[in-house]
Amino acid sequence: MSDRLLTLVRHGRTHANAGGLLQGHVDNDLDTVGLSQAATLGPALVRVAPITRIIASPLRRAQQTAAAISEHCGIDVDTDTRWIELDYGDYDGQPMASIAPEVWAQWRTDAHFRPPGGESMAELDVRVRTAIDDLVRSVDGGHVVVVSHVSPIKAAVAWALGVDIAVSWRTALDRASMSTIRLHDVRPALVTFNVTVHPEK
């Protein structure tokens, strides 16, 4: 079996990112900065290794980022709903500053905390690990790029490190960043984390 690489790409900026809003299943487009960020990704990813497959969350911000990568390398984009962002439920689209401190405290310490009408980190972790397990079984070699969101990418990194999803709260992930995992036969290895090739704005 040849070397296998999985690079997890966070989408570019949206107006909600710029405005400090929680952005889960709300379906925003990239803003002008986000489109510029997305345009830098294709050349950078090809330098890691030739891309053999692109998978993206169904949300527009991820699809637009994936499309920019696709235009550079000529690989079609597959959509997988398991890579969608955490469902923030009633908090979706709300200013992060409007969430009560005691809610943030519970959220950061309890992986089973579920926003009203939303999804817990534990639930997200299950679907992301299922998606990765399917990738590991189906990919014989090459460089797979998954364009997703902050919480699913952090869950994938936790999987690679063999640690609990709670590590998500101790990591920072910039927009249009790249994190690469080598899919060894015995165990995965995190090669790079939160690499950016653009000025973060």
N, C-alpha and C. Protein backbone atom coordinates (compact mmCIF):
# COMPACT_ATOMS: atom_id res chain seq x y z
N MET A 1 0.84 -1.19 0.00
CA MET A 1 0.00 0.00 0.00
C MET A 1 0.88 1.25 0.00
N SER A 2 0.63 2.18 -0.91
CA SER A 2 1.43 3.39 -1.01
C SER A 2 1.03 4.40 0.07
N ASP A 3 1.85 5.42 0.19
CA ASP A 3 1.62 6.44 1.21
C ASP A 3 0.27 7.11 1.00
N ARG A 4 -0.43 7.37 2.10
CA ARG A 4 -1.74 7.99 2.03
C ARG A 4 -1.73 9.24 2.90
N LEU A 5 -2.19 10.34 2.32
CA LEU A 5 -2.27 11.60 3.04
C LEU A 5 -3.71 12.10 3.03
N LEU A 6 -4.13 12.65 4.17
CA LEU A 6 -5.42 13.30 4.31
C LEU A 6 -5.16 14.72 4.77
N THR A 7 -5.55 15.70 3.94
CA THR A 7 -5.41 17.09 4.35
C THR A 7 -6.79 17.68 4.60
N LEU A 8 -6.97 18.21 5.78
CA LEU A 8 -8.22 18.82 6.21
C LEU A 8 -8.12 20.33 6.05
N VAL A 9 -9.03 20.89 5.26
CA VAL A 9 -8.99 22.32 4.93
C VAL A 9 -10.21 23.00 5.53
N ARG A 10 -9.98 24.05 6.31
CA ARG A 10 -11.10 24.86 6.76
C ARG A 10 -11.45 25.86 5.66
N HIS A 11 -12.72 26.10 5.50
CA HIS A 11 -13.19 27.03 4.46
C HIS A 11 -12.67 28.45 4.70
N GLY A 12 -12.77 29.28 3.66
CA GLY A 12 -12.39 30.68 3.77
C GLY A 12 -13.41 31.50 4.56
N ARG A 13 -13.11 32.77 4.72
CA ARG A 13 -13.92 33.65 5.58
C ARG A 13 -15.29 33.95 4.99
N THR A 14 -16.27 34.10 5.87
CA THR A 14 -17.60 34.59 5.51
C THR A 14 -17.89 35.86 6.31
N HIS A 15 -18.99 36.52 5.98
CA HIS A 15 -19.33 37.72 6.74
C HIS A 15 -19.64 37.37 8.19
N ALA A 16 -20.14 36.15 8.45
CA ALA A 16 -20.42 35.73 9.82
C ALA A 16 -19.13 35.57 10.61
N ASN A 17 -18.10 34.99 9.98
CA ASN A 17 -16.78 34.90 10.63
C ASN A 17 -16.29 36.30 10.99
N ALA A 18 -16.37 37.19 10.02
CA ALA A 18 -15.86 38.55 10.23
C ALA A 18 -16.64 39.28 11.32
N GLY A 19 -17.92 38.93 11.48
CA GLY A 19 -18.76 39.60 12.46
C GLY A 19 -18.82 38.93 13.81
N GLY A 20 -18.05 37.86 14.02
CA GLY A 20 -18.03 37.19 15.31
C GLY A 20 -19.31 36.44 15.63
N LEU A 21 -19.95 35.89 14.58
CA LEU A 21 -21.20 35.15 14.77
C LEU A 21 -20.93 33.64 14.79
N LEU A 22 -21.71 32.92 15.57
CA LEU A 22 -21.67 31.46 15.50
C LEU A 22 -22.21 31.03 14.15
N GLN A 23 -21.53 30.11 13.51
CA GLN A 23 -21.88 29.72 12.15
C GLN A 23 -21.84 28.19 12.06
N GLY A 24 -23.00 27.58 12.22
CA GLY A 24 -23.10 26.14 12.15
C GLY A 24 -23.68 25.70 10.83
N HIS A 25 -24.96 25.35 10.83
CA HIS A 25 -25.61 24.93 9.59
C HIS A 25 -26.14 26.10 8.78
N VAL A 26 -26.09 27.31 9.32
CA VAL A 26 -26.46 28.48 8.52
C VAL A 26 -25.57 28.50 7.28
N ASP A 27 -26.16 28.76 6.11
CA ASP A 27 -25.47 28.50 4.84
C ASP A 27 -25.01 29.79 4.18
N ASN A 28 -23.87 30.30 4.62
CA ASN A 28 -23.33 31.56 4.09
C ASN A 28 -22.33 31.32 2.96
N ASP A 29 -22.26 32.31 2.08
CA ASP A 29 -21.22 32.33 1.04
C ASP A 29 -19.92 32.87 1.62
N LEU A 30 -18.81 32.58 0.94
CA LEU A 30 -17.56 33.26 1.25
C LEU A 30 -17.69 34.74 0.95
N ASP A 31 -17.03 35.58 1.75
CA ASP A 31 -16.95 36.99 1.39
C ASP A 31 -15.74 37.21 0.49
N THR A 32 -15.44 38.45 0.15
CA THR A 32 -14.35 38.70 -0.80
C THR A 32 -13.01 38.24 -0.24
N VAL A 33 -12.80 38.41 1.06
CA VAL A 33 -11.56 37.91 1.66
C VAL A 33 -11.53 36.39 1.60
N GLY A 34 -12.66 35.75 1.88
CA GLY A 34 -12.72 34.30 1.84
C GLY A 34 -12.45 33.74 0.46
N LEU A 35 -12.94 34.40 -0.57
CA LEU A 35 -12.68 33.95 -1.93
C LEU A 35 -11.20 34.07 -2.26
N SER A 36 -10.58 35.15 -1.78
CA SER A 36 -9.14 35.33 -1.99
C SER A 36 -8.35 34.26 -1.25
N GLN A 37 -8.77 33.95 -0.03
CA GLN A 37 -8.10 32.89 0.73
C GLN A 37 -8.22 31.55 0.02
N ALA A 38 -9.42 31.24 -0.47
CA ALA A 38 -9.65 29.96 -1.14
C ALA A 38 -8.76 29.81 -2.37
N ALA A 39 -8.51 30.92 -3.06
CA ALA A 39 -7.70 30.86 -4.28
C ALA A 39 -6.25 30.48 -4.01
N THR A 40 -5.79 30.65 -2.78
CA THR A 40 -4.40 30.31 -2.44
C THR A 40 -4.21 28.83 -2.14
N LEU A 41 -5.30 28.11 -1.92
CA LEU A 41 -5.20 26.76 -1.38
C LEU A 41 -4.75 25.72 -2.40
N GLY A 42 -5.27 25.79 -3.63
CA GLY A 42 -4.92 24.79 -4.63
C GLY A 42 -3.42 24.63 -4.82
N PRO A 43 -2.72 25.72 -5.13
CA PRO A 43 -1.26 25.61 -5.31
C PRO A 43 -0.54 25.08 -4.06
N ALA A 44 -1.00 25.50 -2.88
CA ALA A 44 -0.35 25.04 -1.65
C ALA A 44 -0.58 23.55 -1.42
N LEU A 45 -1.78 23.08 -1.69
CA LEU A 45 -2.10 21.67 -1.47
C LEU A 45 -1.36 20.77 -2.45
N VAL A 46 -1.21 21.20 -3.67
CA VAL A 46 -0.49 20.41 -4.67
C VAL A 46 0.98 20.28 -4.28
N ARG A 47 1.52 21.30 -3.61
CA ARG A 47 2.91 21.22 -3.15
C ARG A 47 3.08 20.16 -2.07
N VAL A 48 2.03 19.91 -1.29
CA VAL A 48 2.09 18.84 -0.28
C VAL A 48 2.21 17.49 -0.98
N ALA A 49 1.35 17.26 -1.97
CA ALA A 49 1.36 16.05 -2.79
C ALA A 49 0.26 16.21 -3.83
N PRO A 50 0.39 15.58 -5.00
CA PRO A 50 -0.67 15.66 -6.00
C PRO A 50 -2.00 15.20 -5.41
N ILE A 51 -3.04 15.96 -5.67
CA ILE A 51 -4.36 15.66 -5.10
C ILE A 51 -5.04 14.57 -5.93
N THR A 52 -5.57 13.57 -5.23
CA THR A 52 -6.26 12.47 -5.92
C THR A 52 -7.77 12.49 -5.68
N ARG A 53 -8.22 13.17 -4.65
CA ARG A 53 -9.65 13.24 -4.38
C ARG A 53 -9.95 14.47 -3.54
N ILE A 54 -11.12 15.09 -3.79
CA ILE A 54 -11.58 16.23 -2.99
C ILE A 54 -12.97 15.90 -2.47
N ILE A 55 -13.15 16.07 -1.17
CA ILE A 55 -14.45 15.85 -0.51
C ILE A 55 -14.80 17.14 0.23
N ALA A 56 -16.08 17.52 0.22
CA ALA A 56 -16.47 18.76 0.90
C ALA A 56 -17.78 18.60 1.63
N SER A 57 -17.92 19.36 2.69
CA SER A 57 -19.20 19.56 3.37
C SER A 57 -20.19 20.14 2.37
N PRO A 58 -21.49 19.91 2.58
CA PRO A 58 -22.48 20.45 1.64
C PRO A 58 -22.72 21.95 1.75
N LEU A 59 -22.23 22.59 2.80
CA LEU A 59 -22.49 24.01 2.97
C LEU A 59 -21.72 24.85 1.95
N ARG A 60 -22.32 25.98 1.55
CA ARG A 60 -21.78 26.76 0.42
C ARG A 60 -20.36 27.23 0.68
N ARG A 61 -20.05 27.64 1.90
CA ARG A 61 -18.71 28.16 2.16
C ARG A 61 -17.65 27.08 1.94
N ALA A 62 -17.99 25.83 2.25
CA ALA A 62 -17.06 24.72 2.00
C ALA A 62 -17.04 24.36 0.53
N GLN A 63 -18.20 24.35 -0.11
CA GLN A 63 -18.27 24.02 -1.53
C GLN A 63 -17.51 25.04 -2.38
N GLN A 64 -17.62 26.31 -2.03
CA GLN A 64 -16.90 27.35 -2.79
C GLN A 64 -15.39 27.24 -2.59
N THR A 65 -14.98 26.90 -1.38
CA THR A 65 -13.55 26.70 -1.13
C THR A 65 -13.05 25.49 -1.91
N ALA A 66 -13.83 24.41 -1.89
CA ALA A 66 -13.45 23.20 -2.62
C ALA A 66 -13.42 23.46 -4.13
N ALA A 67 -14.34 24.27 -4.62
CA ALA A 67 -14.38 24.58 -6.05
C ALA A 67 -13.11 25.29 -6.49
N ALA A 68 -12.60 26.19 -5.64
CA ALA A 68 -11.35 26.89 -5.97
C ALA A 68 -10.19 25.91 -6.06
N ILE A 69 -10.16 24.93 -5.17
CA ILE A 69 -9.11 23.89 -5.21
C ILE A 69 -9.28 23.04 -6.47
N SER A 70 -10.53 22.67 -6.76
CA SER A 70 -10.83 21.86 -7.94
C SER A 70 -10.39 22.54 -9.23
N GLU A 71 -10.61 23.84 -9.32
CA GLU A 71 -10.22 24.58 -10.52
C GLU A 71 -8.72 24.52 -10.76
N HIS A 72 -7.96 24.44 -9.68
CA HIS A 72 -6.50 24.41 -9.82
C HIS A 72 -5.99 23.03 -10.22
N CYS A 73 -6.61 21.97 -9.68
CA CYS A 73 -6.05 20.63 -9.91
C CYS A 73 -6.88 19.76 -10.84
N GLY A 74 -8.08 20.20 -11.21
CA GLY A 74 -8.88 19.43 -12.15
C GLY A 74 -9.53 18.19 -11.59
N ILE A 75 -9.69 18.12 -10.25
CA ILE A 75 -10.34 16.97 -9.60
C ILE A 75 -11.75 17.38 -9.19
N ASP A 76 -12.75 16.57 -9.54
CA ASP A 76 -14.13 16.87 -9.16
C ASP A 76 -14.30 16.80 -7.65
N VAL A 77 -15.32 17.50 -7.17
CA VAL A 77 -15.60 17.55 -5.73
C VAL A 77 -16.73 16.60 -5.38
N ASP A 78 -16.48 15.71 -4.42
CA ASP A 78 -17.53 14.86 -3.85
C ASP A 78 -18.07 15.53 -2.59
N THR A 79 -19.34 15.35 -2.32
CA THR A 79 -19.97 15.93 -1.13
C THR A 79 -20.29 14.84 -0.12
N ASP A 80 -19.95 15.09 1.14
CA ASP A 80 -20.23 14.15 2.22
C ASP A 80 -20.81 14.95 3.39
N THR A 81 -22.07 14.69 3.72
CA THR A 81 -22.75 15.48 4.76
C THR A 81 -22.16 15.26 6.14
N ARG A 82 -21.39 14.19 6.33
CA ARG A 82 -20.80 13.94 7.64
C ARG A 82 -19.74 14.96 8.00
N TRP A 83 -19.26 15.73 7.02
CA TRP A 83 -18.26 16.75 7.27
C TRP A 83 -18.87 18.14 7.48
N ILE A 84 -20.20 18.21 7.66
CA ILE A 84 -20.86 19.48 7.92
C ILE A 84 -20.47 20.00 9.30
N GLU A 85 -20.60 21.31 9.49
CA GLU A 85 -20.23 21.92 10.78
C GLU A 85 -21.18 21.45 11.88
N LEU A 86 -20.74 21.63 13.13
CA LEU A 86 -21.58 21.38 14.30
C LEU A 86 -22.88 22.16 14.16
N ASP A 87 -23.99 21.52 14.53
CA ASP A 87 -25.29 22.19 14.52
C ASP A 87 -25.44 22.97 15.82
N TYR A 88 -25.44 24.30 15.71
CA TYR A 88 -25.56 25.15 16.90
C TYR A 88 -27.01 25.37 17.32
N GLY A 89 -27.96 24.81 16.58
CA GLY A 89 -29.36 24.92 16.96
C GLY A 89 -29.81 26.37 17.08
N ASP A 90 -30.42 26.70 18.22
CA ASP A 90 -30.95 28.05 18.42
C ASP A 90 -29.86 29.11 18.47
N TYR A 91 -28.61 28.69 18.70
CA TYR A 91 -27.52 29.66 18.77
C TYR A 91 -26.95 30.01 17.39
N ASP A 92 -27.35 29.28 16.36
CA ASP A 92 -26.79 29.49 15.03
C ASP A 92 -27.06 30.92 14.54
N GLY A 93 -26.00 31.57 14.10
CA GLY A 93 -26.12 32.93 13.60
C GLY A 93 -26.09 34.00 14.67
N GLN A 94 -26.01 33.59 15.94
CA GLN A 94 -25.99 34.56 17.04
C GLN A 94 -24.56 35.02 17.33
N PRO A 95 -24.39 36.25 17.84
CA PRO A 95 -23.05 36.70 18.23
C PRO A 95 -22.47 35.80 19.33
N MET A 96 -21.23 35.42 19.18
CA MET A 96 -20.60 34.59 20.21
C MET A 96 -20.63 35.28 21.57
N ALA A 97 -20.53 36.61 21.55
CA ALA A 97 -20.53 37.37 22.80
C ALA A 97 -21.88 37.33 23.51
N SER A 98 -22.94 36.91 22.81
CA SER A 98 -24.27 36.88 23.42
C SER A 98 -24.53 35.60 24.21
N ILE A 99 -23.66 34.61 24.07
CA ILE A 99 -23.84 33.35 24.79
C ILE A 99 -23.35 33.53 26.23
N ALA A 100 -24.19 33.15 27.17
CA ALA A 100 -23.88 33.36 28.59
C ALA A 100 -22.60 32.64 28.99
N PRO A 101 -21.79 33.25 29.86
CA PRO A 101 -20.54 32.63 30.30
C PRO A 101 -20.73 31.23 30.88
N GLU A 102 -21.83 31.01 31.62
CA GLU A 102 -22.04 29.69 32.20
C GLU A 102 -22.35 28.63 31.13
N VAL A 103 -22.94 29.07 30.01
CA VAL A 103 -23.18 28.15 28.90
C VAL A 103 -21.86 27.76 28.26
N TRP A 104 -21.00 28.76 28.01
CA TRP A 104 -19.67 28.45 27.45
C TRP A 104 -18.90 27.50 28.37
N ALA A 105 -18.99 27.73 29.68
CA ALA A 105 -18.27 26.89 30.64
C ALA A 105 -18.74 25.45 30.55
N GLN A 106 -20.06 25.24 30.44
CA GLN A 106 -20.58 23.87 30.32
C GLN A 106 -20.18 23.26 28.99
N TRP A 107 -20.27 24.05 27.93
CA TRP A 107 -19.94 23.59 26.58
C TRP A 107 -18.50 23.08 26.53
N ARG A 108 -17.60 23.80 27.18
CA ARG A 108 -16.17 23.47 27.11
C ARG A 108 -15.77 22.30 28.00
N THR A 109 -16.63 21.92 28.91
CA THR A 109 -16.26 20.85 29.84
C THR A 109 -17.10 19.58 29.67
N ASP A 110 -18.19 19.66 28.91
CA ASP A 110 -19.09 18.52 28.75
C ASP A 110 -19.31 18.24 27.27
N ALA A 111 -18.69 17.17 26.77
CA ALA A 111 -18.80 16.84 25.34
C ALA A 111 -20.23 16.47 24.95
N HIS A 112 -21.08 16.18 25.94
CA HIS A 112 -22.47 15.82 25.65
C HIS A 112 -23.41 17.01 25.76
N PHE A 113 -22.87 18.20 26.05
CA PHE A 113 -23.72 19.40 26.08
C PHE A 113 -24.26 19.66 24.68
N ARG A 114 -25.57 19.88 24.61
CA ARG A 114 -26.21 20.12 23.31
C ARG A 114 -26.91 21.48 23.34
N PRO A 115 -26.53 22.40 22.44
CA PRO A 115 -27.27 23.66 22.35
C PRO A 115 -28.74 23.37 22.06
N PRO A 116 -29.65 24.22 22.51
CA PRO A 116 -31.07 23.97 22.24
C PRO A 116 -31.33 23.75 20.74
N GLY A 117 -31.87 22.59 20.41
CA GLY A 117 -32.15 22.28 19.02
C GLY A 117 -30.93 21.91 18.20
N GLY A 118 -29.78 21.73 18.84
CA GLY A 118 -28.54 21.50 18.11
C GLY A 118 -27.92 20.13 18.35
N GLU A 119 -26.60 20.09 18.30
CA GLU A 119 -25.83 18.84 18.30
C GLU A 119 -24.69 18.95 19.31
N SER A 120 -24.39 17.87 19.98
CA SER A 120 -23.27 17.87 20.93
C SER A 120 -21.96 17.57 20.21
N MET A 121 -20.86 17.90 20.85
CA MET A 121 -19.54 17.57 20.31
C MET A 121 -19.37 16.06 20.23
N ALA A 122 -19.93 15.33 21.19
CA ALA A 122 -19.83 13.87 21.18
C ALA A 122 -20.53 13.29 19.95
N GLU A 123 -21.68 13.85 19.59
CA GLU A 123 -22.41 13.39 18.41
C GLU A 123 -21.63 13.71 17.13
N LEU A 124 -21.07 14.91 17.07
CA LEU A 124 -20.24 15.28 15.92
C LEU A 124 -19.05 14.34 15.81
N ASP A 125 -18.44 14.01 16.93
CA ASP A 125 -17.27 13.14 16.94
C ASP A 125 -17.58 11.78 16.31
N VAL A 126 -18.74 11.24 16.61
CA VAL A 126 -19.13 9.93 16.07
C VAL A 126 -19.23 9.99 14.55
N ARG A 127 -19.90 11.02 14.01
CA ARG A 127 -20.07 11.06 12.55
C ARG A 127 -18.76 11.34 11.82
N VAL A 128 -17.90 12.15 12.41
CA VAL A 128 -16.61 12.43 11.77
C VAL A 128 -15.74 11.17 11.77
N ARG A 129 -15.70 10.46 12.88
CA ARG A 129 -14.89 9.23 12.94
C ARG A 129 -15.41 8.18 11.97
N THR A 130 -16.73 8.13 11.77
CA THR A 130 -17.29 7.21 10.79
C THR A 130 -16.84 7.58 9.38
N ALA A 131 -16.85 8.88 9.08
CA ALA A 131 -16.39 9.34 7.77
C ALA A 131 -14.93 9.01 7.55
N ILE A 132 -14.10 9.19 8.57
CA ILE A 132 -12.68 8.88 8.45
C ILE A 132 -12.46 7.38 8.29
N ASP A 133 -13.18 6.60 9.06
CA ASP A 133 -13.05 5.14 8.94
C ASP A 133 -13.34 4.69 7.51
N ASP A 134 -14.37 5.26 6.90
CA ASP A 134 -14.70 4.92 5.52
C ASP A 134 -13.57 5.32 4.57
N LEU A 135 -12.97 6.49 4.81
CA LEU A 135 -11.85 6.93 3.98
C LEU A 135 -10.66 5.99 4.12
N VAL A 136 -10.34 5.63 5.34
CA VAL A 136 -9.18 4.76 5.58
C VAL A 136 -9.36 3.43 4.85
N ARG A 137 -10.57 2.91 4.85
CA ARG A 137 -10.83 1.63 4.19
C ARG A 137 -10.80 1.74 2.67
N SER A 138 -11.17 2.91 2.13
CA SER A 138 -11.36 3.04 0.69
C SER A 138 -10.16 3.61 -0.06
N VAL A 139 -9.24 4.26 0.66
CA VAL A 139 -8.13 4.94 0.00
C VAL A 139 -6.89 4.05 0.03
N ASP A 140 -6.41 3.64 -1.13
CA ASP A 140 -5.21 2.81 -1.22
C ASP A 140 -3.94 3.64 -1.24
N GLY A 141 -4.04 4.85 -1.70
CA GLY A 141 -2.88 5.73 -1.78
C GLY A 141 -3.31 7.11 -2.24
N GLY A 142 -2.37 8.04 -2.30
CA GLY A 142 -2.67 9.36 -2.81
C GLY A 142 -2.95 10.38 -1.71
N HIS A 143 -3.47 11.51 -2.14
CA HIS A 143 -3.66 12.67 -1.27
C HIS A 143 -5.13 13.09 -1.35
N VAL A 144 -5.87 12.82 -0.27
CA VAL A 144 -7.28 13.19 -0.20
C VAL A 144 -7.40 14.51 0.55
N VAL A 145 -8.15 15.44 -0.03
CA VAL A 145 -8.40 16.74 0.59
C VAL A 145 -9.86 16.80 1.01
N VAL A 146 -10.10 17.10 2.28
CA VAL A 146 -11.45 17.27 2.80
C VAL A 146 -11.62 18.74 3.20
N VAL A 147 -12.61 19.40 2.62
CA VAL A 147 -12.89 20.80 2.94
C VAL A 147 -14.07 20.82 3.90
N SER A 148 -13.83 21.31 5.10
CA SER A 148 -14.84 21.23 6.14
C SER A 148 -14.81 22.48 7.00
N HIS A 149 -15.07 22.30 8.28
CA HIS A 149 -15.29 23.40 9.22
C HIS A 149 -14.49 23.15 10.50
N VAL A 150 -14.49 24.13 11.36
CA VAL A 150 -13.59 24.09 12.50
C VAL A 150 -13.83 22.87 13.40
N SER A 151 -15.08 22.59 13.76
CA SER A 151 -15.32 21.49 14.71
C SER A 151 -15.05 20.11 14.12
N PRO A 152 -15.52 19.80 12.89
CA PRO A 152 -15.18 18.49 12.33
C PRO A 152 -13.68 18.29 12.13
N ILE A 153 -12.96 19.35 11.75
CA ILE A 153 -11.51 19.21 11.55
C ILE A 153 -10.83 18.93 12.88
N LYS A 154 -11.24 19.63 13.92
CA LYS A 154 -10.65 19.38 15.23
C LYS A 154 -10.96 17.96 15.71
N ALA A 155 -12.15 17.46 15.39
CA ALA A 155 -12.50 16.08 15.74
C ALA A 155 -11.60 15.10 15.00
N ALA A 156 -11.31 15.38 13.74
CA ALA A 156 -10.42 14.51 12.96
C ALA A 156 -9.00 14.54 13.52
N VAL A 157 -8.55 15.71 13.96
CA VAL A 157 -7.22 15.81 14.56
C VAL A 157 -7.18 15.03 15.88
N ALA A 158 -8.25 15.11 16.67
CA ALA A 158 -8.31 14.34 17.91
C ALA A 158 -8.23 12.84 17.60
N TRP A 159 -8.91 12.41 16.53
CA TRP A 159 -8.82 11.01 16.10
C TRP A 159 -7.38 10.63 15.77
N ALA A 160 -6.69 11.50 15.02
CA ALA A 160 -5.32 11.20 14.61
C ALA A 160 -4.39 11.10 15.81
N LEU A 161 -4.63 11.92 16.81
CA LEU A 161 -3.77 11.93 18.00
C LEU A 161 -4.17 10.87 19.02
N GLY A 162 -5.31 10.23 18.82
CA GLY A 162 -5.77 9.23 19.77
C GLY A 162 -6.22 9.82 21.09
N VAL A 163 -6.81 11.03 21.03
CA VAL A 163 -7.25 11.70 22.25
C VAL A 163 -8.74 12.02 22.16
N ASP A 164 -9.28 12.46 23.28
CA ASP A 164 -10.70 12.77 23.39
C ASP A 164 -11.06 14.04 22.62
N ILE A 165 -12.31 14.16 22.21
CA ILE A 165 -12.80 15.33 21.48
C ILE A 165 -12.64 16.62 22.31
N ALA A 166 -12.51 16.50 23.62
CA ALA A 166 -12.35 17.68 24.48
C ALA A 166 -11.10 18.48 24.12
N VAL A 167 -10.14 17.87 23.43
CA VAL A 167 -8.93 18.60 23.03
C VAL A 167 -9.27 19.74 22.07
N SER A 168 -10.44 19.69 21.45
CA SER A 168 -10.87 20.74 20.52
C SER A 168 -10.79 22.13 21.15
N TRP A 169 -11.12 22.22 22.43
CA TRP A 169 -11.13 23.52 23.09
C TRP A 169 -9.72 24.02 23.40
N ARG A 170 -8.71 23.20 23.16
CA ARG A 170 -7.32 23.60 23.42
C ARG A 170 -6.53 23.80 22.13
N THR A 171 -7.25 23.89 21.01
CA THR A 171 -6.61 24.10 19.71
C THR A 171 -7.26 25.28 19.01
N ALA A 172 -6.49 25.95 18.16
CA ALA A 172 -7.00 27.08 17.38
C ALA A 172 -6.80 26.77 15.90
N LEU A 173 -7.82 27.05 15.11
CA LEU A 173 -7.79 26.70 13.69
C LEU A 173 -8.22 27.91 12.88
N ASP A 174 -7.30 28.41 12.06
CA ASP A 174 -7.59 29.60 11.25
C ASP A 174 -8.41 29.26 10.01
N ARG A 175 -9.02 30.27 9.45
CA ARG A 175 -9.76 30.09 8.21
C ARG A 175 -8.81 29.80 7.06
N ALA A 176 -9.27 28.95 6.14
CA ALA A 176 -8.47 28.53 4.98
C ALA A 176 -7.13 27.94 5.41
N SER A 177 -7.16 27.21 6.51
CA SER A 177 -5.95 26.53 7.00
C SER A 177 -5.94 25.08 6.53
N MET A 178 -4.74 24.47 6.59
CA MET A 178 -4.54 23.09 6.15
C MET A 178 -3.89 22.30 7.29
N SER A 179 -4.43 21.12 7.54
CA SER A 179 -3.86 20.21 8.54
C SER A 179 -3.76 18.83 7.89
N THR A 180 -2.57 18.26 7.89
CA THR A 180 -2.34 17.01 7.15
C THR A 180 -2.06 15.85 8.09
N ILE A 181 -2.73 14.73 7.81
CA ILE A 181 -2.57 13.49 8.56
C ILE A 181 -2.02 12.43 7.62
N ARG A 182 -0.98 11.72 8.05
CA ARG A 182 -0.50 10.57 7.28
C ARG A 182 -1.23 9.33 7.79
N LEU A 183 -1.87 8.61 6.88
CA LEU A 183 -2.66 7.44 7.25
C LEU A 183 -1.79 6.20 7.20
N HIS A 184 -1.02 5.99 8.25
CA HIS A 184 -0.21 4.79 8.37
C HIS A 184 -1.10 3.56 8.56
N ASP A 185 -0.57 2.39 8.22
CA ASP A 185 -1.31 1.15 8.43
C ASP A 185 -1.56 0.88 9.91
N VAL A 186 -0.57 1.18 10.75
CA VAL A 186 -0.68 0.87 12.17
C VAL A 186 -1.47 1.95 12.90
N ARG A 187 -1.07 3.21 12.71
CA ARG A 187 -1.78 4.31 13.37
C ARG A 187 -1.54 5.59 12.55
N PRO A 188 -2.49 6.53 12.59
CA PRO A 188 -2.31 7.78 11.87
C PRO A 188 -1.27 8.66 12.56
N ALA A 189 -0.75 9.63 11.81
CA ALA A 189 0.22 10.58 12.38
C ALA A 189 -0.11 11.98 11.87
N LEU A 190 -0.24 12.92 12.80
CA LEU A 190 -0.47 14.31 12.43
C LEU A 190 0.84 14.91 11.93
N VAL A 191 0.87 15.34 10.68
CA VAL A 191 2.09 15.87 10.06
C VAL A 191 2.18 17.38 10.23
N THR A 192 1.09 18.08 9.91
CA THR A 192 1.05 19.53 10.09
C THR A 192 -0.32 19.92 10.63
N PHE A 193 -0.38 21.08 11.29
CA PHE A 193 -1.65 21.57 11.84
C PHE A 193 -1.75 23.07 11.65
N ASN A 194 -2.89 23.52 11.14
CA ASN A 194 -3.22 24.95 11.04
C ASN A 194 -2.19 25.73 10.21
N VAL A 195 -1.83 25.18 9.08
CA VAL A 195 -0.90 25.88 8.16
C VAL A 195 -1.71 26.80 7.25
N THR A 196 -1.29 28.04 7.15
CA THR A 196 -1.96 28.99 6.26
C THR A 196 -0.92 29.59 5.30
N VAL A 197 -1.41 29.98 4.12
CA VAL A 197 -0.53 30.58 3.12
C VAL A 197 -1.09 31.94 2.69
N HIS A 198 -1.86 32.55 3.55
CA HIS A 198 -2.48 33.85 3.26
C HIS A 198 -2.48 34.66 4.55
N PRO A 199 -2.59 35.99 4.45
CA PRO A 199 -2.74 36.78 5.67
C PRO A 199 -4.10 36.52 6.28
N GLU A 200 -4.14 36.09 7.54
CA GLU A 200 -5.42 35.84 8.21
C GLU A 200 -6.09 37.16 8.53
N LYS A 201 -7.37 37.26 8.13
CA LYS A 201 -8.12 38.50 8.39
C LYS A 201 -9.47 38.16 8.99
